[in-house]
Amino acid sequence: MLTVQTRMLEISDLKSLPEKKFKDITPYNEKVKEYEIKTNNLRVYLIKDVKGKLIIIGGKKTTQKKDIKKFRNLKKEYLKYFKENLK
């Protein structure tokens, strides 16, 4: 867990990390960027919205596909809520 926190701090300080530690996982033609922080067994999924990066969900390497699906659903709901409440 300390490794994830360290990588999050490095990202917030705008430090560059190798792709094996911090990866852009944005699907093609998607406007809101998606990122994955990786350690040996842990994953944290983030989006970049108008206010910066936002942590959505964390998970394990063994449940990665399920976690990404859940992450994208939460992202969709967040963006929908954000859009509706800016009116």
C-alpha atoms as a PDB file:
ATOM      1  CA  MET A   1       0.000   0.000   0.000  1.00  0.00           C
ATOM      2  CA  LEU A   2       2.905   2.343   0.713  1.00  0.00           C
ATOM      3  CA  THR A   3       4.100   1.883  -2.868  1.00  0.00           C
ATOM      4  CA  VAL A   4       0.716   3.029  -4.220  1.00  0.00           C
ATOM      5  CA  GLN A   5       0.772   6.092  -1.957  1.00  0.00           C
ATOM      6  CA  THR A   6       4.309   6.934  -3.067  1.00  0.00           C
ATOM      7  CA  ARG A   7       3.350   6.679  -6.733  1.00  0.00           C
ATOM      8  CA  MET A   8       0.281   8.838  -6.154  1.00  0.00           C
ATOM      9  CA  LEU A   9       2.495  11.505  -4.560  1.00  0.00           C
ATOM     10  CA  GLU A  10       4.948  11.326  -7.451  1.00  0.00           C
ATOM     11  CA  ILE A  11       2.113  11.771  -9.947  1.00  0.00           C
ATOM     12  CA  SER A  12       0.674  14.693  -7.999  1.00  0.00           C
ATOM     13  CA  ASP A  13       4.147  16.292  -8.089  1.00  0.00           C
ATOM     14  CA  LEU A  14       4.065  15.855 -11.906  1.00  0.00           C
ATOM     15  CA  LYS A  15       6.933  13.359 -11.885  1.00  0.00           C
ATOM     16  CA  SER A  16       7.189  11.033 -14.842  1.00  0.00           C
ATOM     17  CA  LEU A  17       6.804   7.315 -14.123  1.00  0.00           C
ATOM     18  CA  PRO A  18       7.478   4.354 -16.417  1.00  0.00           C
ATOM     19  CA  GLU A  19       4.464   2.694 -18.037  1.00  0.00           C
ATOM     20  CA  LYS A  20       4.878  -0.403 -15.862  1.00  0.00           C
ATOM     21  CA  LYS A  21       4.053   1.810 -12.838  1.00  0.00           C
ATOM     22  CA  PHE A  22       1.600   4.357 -14.271  1.00  0.00           C
ATOM     23  CA  LYS A  23      -0.286   3.721 -17.497  1.00  0.00           C
ATOM     24  CA  ASP A  24      -2.801   5.557 -19.660  1.00  0.00           C
ATOM     25  CA  ILE A  25      -5.662   3.073 -20.222  1.00  0.00           C
ATOM     26  CA  THR A  26      -8.032   5.457 -22.009  1.00  0.00           C
ATOM     27  CA  PRO A  27     -10.111   3.696 -24.676  1.00  0.00           C
ATOM     28  CA  TYR A  28      -9.895   5.015 -28.224  1.00  0.00           C
ATOM     29  CA  ASN A  29     -12.090   8.106 -28.846  1.00  0.00           C
ATOM     30  CA  GLU A  30     -12.778   8.604 -25.119  1.00  0.00           C
ATOM     31  CA  LYS A  31     -12.574  12.266 -24.090  1.00  0.00           C
ATOM     32  CA  VAL A  32     -11.905  11.841 -20.352  1.00  0.00           C
ATOM     33  CA  LYS A  33      -8.467  10.305 -19.744  1.00  0.00           C
ATOM     34  CA  GLU A  34      -8.153   7.130 -17.649  1.00  0.00           C
ATOM     35  CA  TYR A  35      -5.059   5.999 -15.771  1.00  0.00           C
ATOM     36  CA  GLU A  36      -3.882   2.970 -13.847  1.00  0.00           C
ATOM     37  CA  ILE A  37      -1.312   2.997 -11.043  1.00  0.00           C
ATOM     38  CA  LYS A  38       0.292  -0.427 -10.809  1.00  0.00           C
ATOM     39  CA  THR A  39       2.261  -2.338  -8.196  1.00  0.00           C
ATOM     40  CA  ASN A  40       2.961  -6.069  -8.187  1.00  0.00           C
ATOM     41  CA  ASN A  41      -0.539  -6.972  -6.977  1.00  0.00           C
ATOM     42  CA  LEU A  42      -2.482  -3.724  -6.529  1.00  0.00           C
ATOM     43  CA  ARG A  43      -4.151  -1.395  -9.015  1.00  0.00           C
ATOM     44  CA  VAL A  44      -5.664   2.075  -8.575  1.00  0.00           C
ATOM     45  CA  TYR A  45      -7.774   3.573 -11.359  1.00  0.00           C
ATOM     46  CA  LEU A  46      -8.081   7.320 -11.892  1.00  0.00           C
ATOM     47  CA  ILE A  47      -9.636   9.755 -14.295  1.00  0.00           C
ATOM     48  CA  LYS A  48      -8.520  13.208 -15.282  1.00  0.00           C
ATOM     49  CA  ASP A  49     -11.441  15.583 -15.096  1.00  0.00           C
ATOM     50  CA  VAL A  50     -11.644  19.379 -15.281  1.00  0.00           C
ATOM     51  CA  LYS A  51     -10.387  19.711 -11.708  1.00  0.00           C
ATOM     52  CA  GLY A  52      -7.493  17.271 -12.055  1.00  0.00           C
ATOM     53  CA  LYS A  53      -7.200  13.602 -11.267  1.00  0.00           C
ATOM     54  CA  LEU A  54      -9.769  11.744  -9.221  1.00  0.00           C
ATOM     55  CA  ILE A  55      -9.342   8.292  -7.715  1.00  0.00           C
ATOM     56  CA  ILE A  56     -12.295   6.106  -8.579  1.00  0.00           C
ATOM     57  CA  ILE A  57     -11.497   2.554  -7.467  1.00  0.00           C
ATOM     58  CA  GLY A  58      -8.713   0.280  -6.341  1.00  0.00           C
ATOM     59  CA  GLY A  59      -8.318  -3.425  -6.866  1.00  0.00           C
ATOM     60  CA  LYS A  60      -6.016  -6.379  -7.275  1.00  0.00           C
ATOM     61  CA  LYS A  61      -4.215  -7.709 -10.306  1.00  0.00           C
ATOM     62  CA  THR A  62      -6.284 -10.909 -10.080  1.00  0.00           C
ATOM     63  CA  THR A  63      -9.591  -8.992 -10.413  1.00  0.00           C
ATOM     64  CA  GLN A  64      -8.341  -6.416 -12.908  1.00  0.00           C
ATOM     65  CA  LYS A  65     -10.910  -6.980 -15.684  1.00  0.00           C
ATOM     66  CA  LYS A  66     -13.827  -6.814 -13.251  1.00  0.00           C
ATOM     67  CA  ASP A  67     -12.337  -3.769 -11.522  1.00  0.00           C
ATOM     68  CA  ILE A  68     -11.856  -1.866 -14.800  1.00  0.00           C
ATOM     69  CA  LYS A  69     -15.463  -2.559 -15.750  1.00  0.00           C
ATOM     70  CA  LYS A  70     -16.623  -1.269 -12.343  1.00  0.00           C
ATOM     71  CA  PHE A  71     -14.271   1.714 -12.684  1.00  0.00           C
ATOM     72  CA  ARG A  72     -15.724   2.689 -16.054  1.00  0.00           C
ATOM     73  CA  ASN A  73     -19.285   2.421 -14.725  1.00  0.00           C
ATOM     74  CA  LEU A  74     -18.392   4.675 -11.760  1.00  0.00           C
ATOM     75  CA  LYS A  75     -16.676   7.100 -14.132  1.00  0.00           C
ATOM     76  CA  LYS A  76     -19.787   7.251 -16.288  1.00  0.00           C
ATOM     77  CA  GLU A  77     -22.010   7.941 -13.259  1.00  0.00           C
ATOM     78  CA  TYR A  78     -19.610  10.567 -11.899  1.00  0.00           C
ATOM     79  CA  LEU A  79     -19.456  12.427 -15.209  1.00  0.00           C
ATOM     80  CA  LYS A  80     -23.235  12.244 -15.604  1.00  0.00           C
ATOM     81  CA  TYR A  81     -23.740  13.663 -12.095  1.00  0.00           C
ATOM     82  CA  PHE A  82     -21.109  16.358 -12.642  1.00  0.00           C
ATOM     83  CA  LYS A  83     -22.689  17.409 -15.956  1.00  0.00           C
ATOM     84  CA  GLU A  84     -26.228  17.520 -14.520  1.00  0.00           C
ATOM     85  CA  ASN A  85     -25.187  19.582 -11.514  1.00  0.00           C
ATOM     86  CA  LEU A  86     -23.297  22.221 -13.477  1.00  0.00           C
ATOM     87  CA  LYS A  87     -26.482  23.456 -15.130  1.00  0.00           C
END
